[in-house]
Amino acid sequence: MPCIVRDGTFPIYVYSGDHPPPHCHVYWNGDKVALVELLSTTVIAGNGLPKNGKALIRKNIATPRAAWNRLNS
């Protein structure tokens, strides 16, 4: 699946056939990843997401939500 949101630091992915709850995968620093639940925008697994990564998710939340619905409904 291609990256659905990228700001240069935090590429955000949503994968098809993924497990609930609806979430996205946010990567940074080459080896860090956080799974962010798409309703509450809280980190549900992985590394703690920096503030600017959380802000990117909140600003663009409609994009990963739409991708999740398209790929996992």
N, C-alpha and C. Protein backbone atom coordinates (compact mmCIF):
# COMPACT_ATOMS: atom_id res chain seq x y z
N MET A 1 0.85 -1.18 0.00
CA MET A 1 0.00 0.00 0.00
C MET A 1 0.89 1.23 0.00
N PRO A 2 0.61 2.19 -0.87
CA PRO A 2 1.41 3.41 -0.88
C PRO A 2 1.13 4.28 0.34
N CYS A 3 2.06 5.14 0.61
CA CYS A 3 1.92 6.10 1.69
C CYS A 3 0.72 7.00 1.38
N ILE A 4 -0.16 7.22 2.38
CA ILE A 4 -1.35 8.04 2.12
C ILE A 4 -1.18 9.48 2.58
N VAL A 5 -0.29 9.72 3.55
CA VAL A 5 0.02 11.08 4.01
C VAL A 5 1.51 11.11 4.32
N ARG A 6 2.20 12.17 3.90
CA ARG A 6 3.61 12.31 4.22
C ARG A 6 3.92 13.80 4.35
N ASP A 7 4.67 14.13 5.39
CA ASP A 7 5.09 15.52 5.56
C ASP A 7 6.61 15.64 5.50
N GLY A 8 7.30 14.58 5.12
CA GLY A 8 8.75 14.58 5.09
C GLY A 8 9.36 13.84 6.26
N THR A 9 8.65 13.78 7.37
CA THR A 9 9.15 13.11 8.57
C THR A 9 8.32 11.89 8.95
N PHE A 10 7.01 11.99 8.79
CA PHE A 10 6.08 10.97 9.26
C PHE A 10 5.23 10.40 8.13
N PRO A 11 5.69 9.37 7.42
CA PRO A 11 4.81 8.73 6.44
C PRO A 11 3.73 7.93 7.17
N ILE A 12 2.52 8.01 6.66
CA ILE A 12 1.37 7.34 7.28
C ILE A 12 0.81 6.34 6.27
N TYR A 13 0.59 5.11 6.75
CA TYR A 13 0.09 4.03 5.91
C TYR A 13 -1.16 3.43 6.53
N VAL A 14 -2.05 2.94 5.67
CA VAL A 14 -3.19 2.11 6.06
C VAL A 14 -3.12 0.88 5.17
N TYR A 15 -3.20 -0.30 5.79
CA TYR A 15 -3.05 -1.56 5.05
C TYR A 15 -4.39 -2.27 4.88
N SER A 16 -4.56 -2.91 3.75
CA SER A 16 -5.79 -3.68 3.52
C SER A 16 -5.74 -4.98 4.31
N GLY A 17 -6.91 -5.45 4.71
CA GLY A 17 -7.00 -6.70 5.46
C GLY A 17 -6.39 -6.61 6.85
N ASP A 18 -6.26 -5.41 7.39
CA ASP A 18 -5.64 -5.23 8.71
C ASP A 18 -6.65 -5.51 9.81
N HIS A 19 -6.16 -5.72 11.00
CA HIS A 19 -6.98 -6.06 12.17
C HIS A 19 -7.65 -4.82 12.75
N PRO A 20 -8.80 -5.02 13.43
CA PRO A 20 -9.44 -3.90 14.13
C PRO A 20 -8.64 -3.56 15.40
N PRO A 21 -8.87 -2.42 15.95
CA PRO A 21 -9.76 -1.34 15.55
C PRO A 21 -9.15 -0.58 14.36
N PRO A 22 -9.96 0.24 13.70
CA PRO A 22 -9.43 1.04 12.59
C PRO A 22 -8.23 1.86 13.07
N HIS A 23 -7.12 1.74 12.34
CA HIS A 23 -5.90 2.42 12.74
C HIS A 23 -5.00 2.67 11.53
N CYS A 24 -3.99 3.50 11.75
CA CYS A 24 -2.97 3.72 10.73
C CYS A 24 -1.61 3.46 11.36
N HIS A 25 -0.62 3.28 10.51
CA HIS A 25 0.76 3.05 10.92
C HIS A 25 1.55 4.31 10.58
N VAL A 26 2.22 4.87 11.58
CA VAL A 26 3.02 6.08 11.39
C VAL A 26 4.49 5.71 11.66
N TYR A 27 5.36 6.05 10.71
CA TYR A 27 6.78 5.70 10.80
C TYR A 27 7.62 6.96 10.92
N TRP A 28 8.78 6.86 11.58
CA TRP A 28 9.73 7.96 11.66
C TRP A 28 11.08 7.43 12.14
N ASN A 29 12.11 8.20 11.91
CA ASN A 29 13.48 7.87 12.31
C ASN A 29 13.95 6.51 11.81
N GLY A 30 13.38 6.01 10.75
CA GLY A 30 13.84 4.76 10.16
C GLY A 30 13.41 3.49 10.86
N ASP A 31 13.28 3.52 12.19
CA ASP A 31 12.96 2.29 12.92
C ASP A 31 11.82 2.45 13.93
N LYS A 32 11.20 3.60 13.95
CA LYS A 32 10.09 3.84 14.89
C LYS A 32 8.77 3.70 14.17
N VAL A 33 7.79 3.10 14.86
CA VAL A 33 6.45 2.97 14.31
C VAL A 33 5.44 3.05 15.44
N ALA A 34 4.32 3.70 15.17
CA ALA A 34 3.20 3.75 16.11
C ALA A 34 1.93 3.41 15.36
N LEU A 35 1.08 2.62 16.00
CA LEU A 35 -0.25 2.36 15.47
C LEU A 35 -1.19 3.33 16.16
N VAL A 36 -1.91 4.12 15.36
CA VAL A 36 -2.78 5.16 15.90
C VAL A 36 -4.22 4.83 15.56
N GLU A 37 -5.03 4.70 16.59
CA GLU A 37 -6.45 4.40 16.43
C GLU A 37 -7.12 5.61 15.80
N LEU A 38 -7.97 5.38 14.78
CA LEU A 38 -8.48 6.47 13.96
C LEU A 38 -9.69 7.20 14.52
N LEU A 39 -10.32 6.70 15.55
CA LEU A 39 -11.44 7.43 16.15
C LEU A 39 -10.95 8.40 17.22
N SER A 40 -10.08 7.92 18.09
CA SER A 40 -9.60 8.75 19.19
C SER A 40 -8.24 9.39 18.92
N THR A 41 -7.55 8.95 17.88
CA THR A 41 -6.18 9.35 17.53
C THR A 41 -5.17 9.08 18.64
N THR A 42 -5.43 8.01 19.40
CA THR A 42 -4.47 7.62 20.44
C THR A 42 -3.57 6.50 19.91
N VAL A 43 -2.35 6.45 20.44
CA VAL A 43 -1.41 5.40 20.08
C VAL A 43 -1.85 4.12 20.79
N ILE A 44 -2.07 3.04 20.02
CA ILE A 44 -2.53 1.79 20.61
C ILE A 44 -1.44 0.72 20.63
N ALA A 45 -0.33 0.96 19.93
CA ALA A 45 0.79 0.02 19.93
C ALA A 45 2.02 0.71 19.37
N GLY A 46 3.16 0.16 19.69
CA GLY A 46 4.41 0.68 19.13
C GLY A 46 5.02 1.75 19.99
N ASN A 47 5.78 2.61 19.35
CA ASN A 47 6.51 3.67 20.02
C ASN A 47 5.61 4.88 20.29
N GLY A 48 5.98 5.66 21.30
CA GLY A 48 5.28 6.91 21.55
C GLY A 48 5.49 7.86 20.39
N LEU A 49 4.44 8.44 19.90
CA LEU A 49 4.50 9.30 18.73
C LEU A 49 4.81 10.73 19.16
N PRO A 50 5.82 11.37 18.56
CA PRO A 50 6.12 12.77 18.90
C PRO A 50 4.93 13.69 18.63
N LYS A 51 4.92 14.84 19.31
CA LYS A 51 3.81 15.80 19.19
C LYS A 51 3.54 16.21 17.75
N ASN A 52 4.59 16.45 16.96
CA ASN A 52 4.34 16.89 15.59
C ASN A 52 3.77 15.76 14.73
N GLY A 53 4.03 14.51 15.09
CA GLY A 53 3.40 13.38 14.41
C GLY A 53 1.92 13.28 14.76
N LYS A 54 1.60 13.51 16.03
CA LYS A 54 0.20 13.52 16.46
C LYS A 54 -0.56 14.64 15.77
N ALA A 55 0.08 15.80 15.66
CA ALA A 55 -0.56 16.94 15.01
C ALA A 55 -0.84 16.64 13.53
N LEU A 56 0.09 15.95 12.86
CA LEU A 56 -0.10 15.59 11.46
C LEU A 56 -1.30 14.66 11.31
N ILE A 57 -1.42 13.67 12.20
CA ILE A 57 -2.57 12.76 12.16
C ILE A 57 -3.86 13.54 12.32
N ARG A 58 -3.93 14.39 13.34
CA ARG A 58 -5.16 15.13 13.60
C ARG A 58 -5.53 16.05 12.44
N LYS A 59 -4.54 16.69 11.84
CA LYS A 59 -4.78 17.60 10.73
C LYS A 59 -5.31 16.88 9.50
N ASN A 60 -4.88 15.65 9.30
CA ASN A 60 -5.21 14.89 8.08
C ASN A 60 -6.07 13.66 8.36
N ILE A 61 -6.78 13.61 9.47
CA ILE A 61 -7.47 12.40 9.91
C ILE A 61 -8.47 11.86 8.89
N ALA A 62 -9.05 12.72 8.09
CA ALA A 62 -10.04 12.25 7.10
C ALA A 62 -9.40 11.31 6.08
N THR A 63 -8.15 11.52 5.74
CA THR A 63 -7.48 10.69 4.73
C THR A 63 -7.27 9.26 5.21
N PRO A 64 -6.67 9.02 6.38
CA PRO A 64 -6.54 7.62 6.81
C PRO A 64 -7.88 6.97 7.14
N ARG A 65 -8.84 7.73 7.64
CA ARG A 65 -10.17 7.15 7.90
C ARG A 65 -10.81 6.67 6.60
N ALA A 66 -10.74 7.48 5.55
CA ALA A 66 -11.30 7.09 4.26
C ALA A 66 -10.57 5.88 3.69
N ALA A 67 -9.25 5.86 3.83
CA ALA A 67 -8.46 4.73 3.33
C ALA A 67 -8.83 3.46 4.09
N TRP A 68 -8.99 3.56 5.40
CA TRP A 68 -9.37 2.37 6.19
C TRP A 68 -10.73 1.84 5.71
N ASN A 69 -11.68 2.73 5.56
CA ASN A 69 -13.02 2.31 5.13
C ASN A 69 -12.98 1.67 3.75
N ARG A 70 -12.19 2.22 2.86
CA ARG A 70 -12.08 1.67 1.50
C ARG A 70 -11.38 0.32 1.50
N LEU A 71 -10.36 0.14 2.31
CA LEU A 71 -9.54 -1.06 2.28
C LEU A 71 -9.97 -2.17 3.24
N ASN A 72 -10.78 -1.83 4.23
CA ASN A 72 -11.09 -2.82 5.28
C ASN A 72 -12.58 -2.97 5.56
N SER A 73 -13.44 -2.51 4.70
CA SER A 73 -14.88 -2.65 4.94
C SER A 73 -15.44 -3.82 4.16
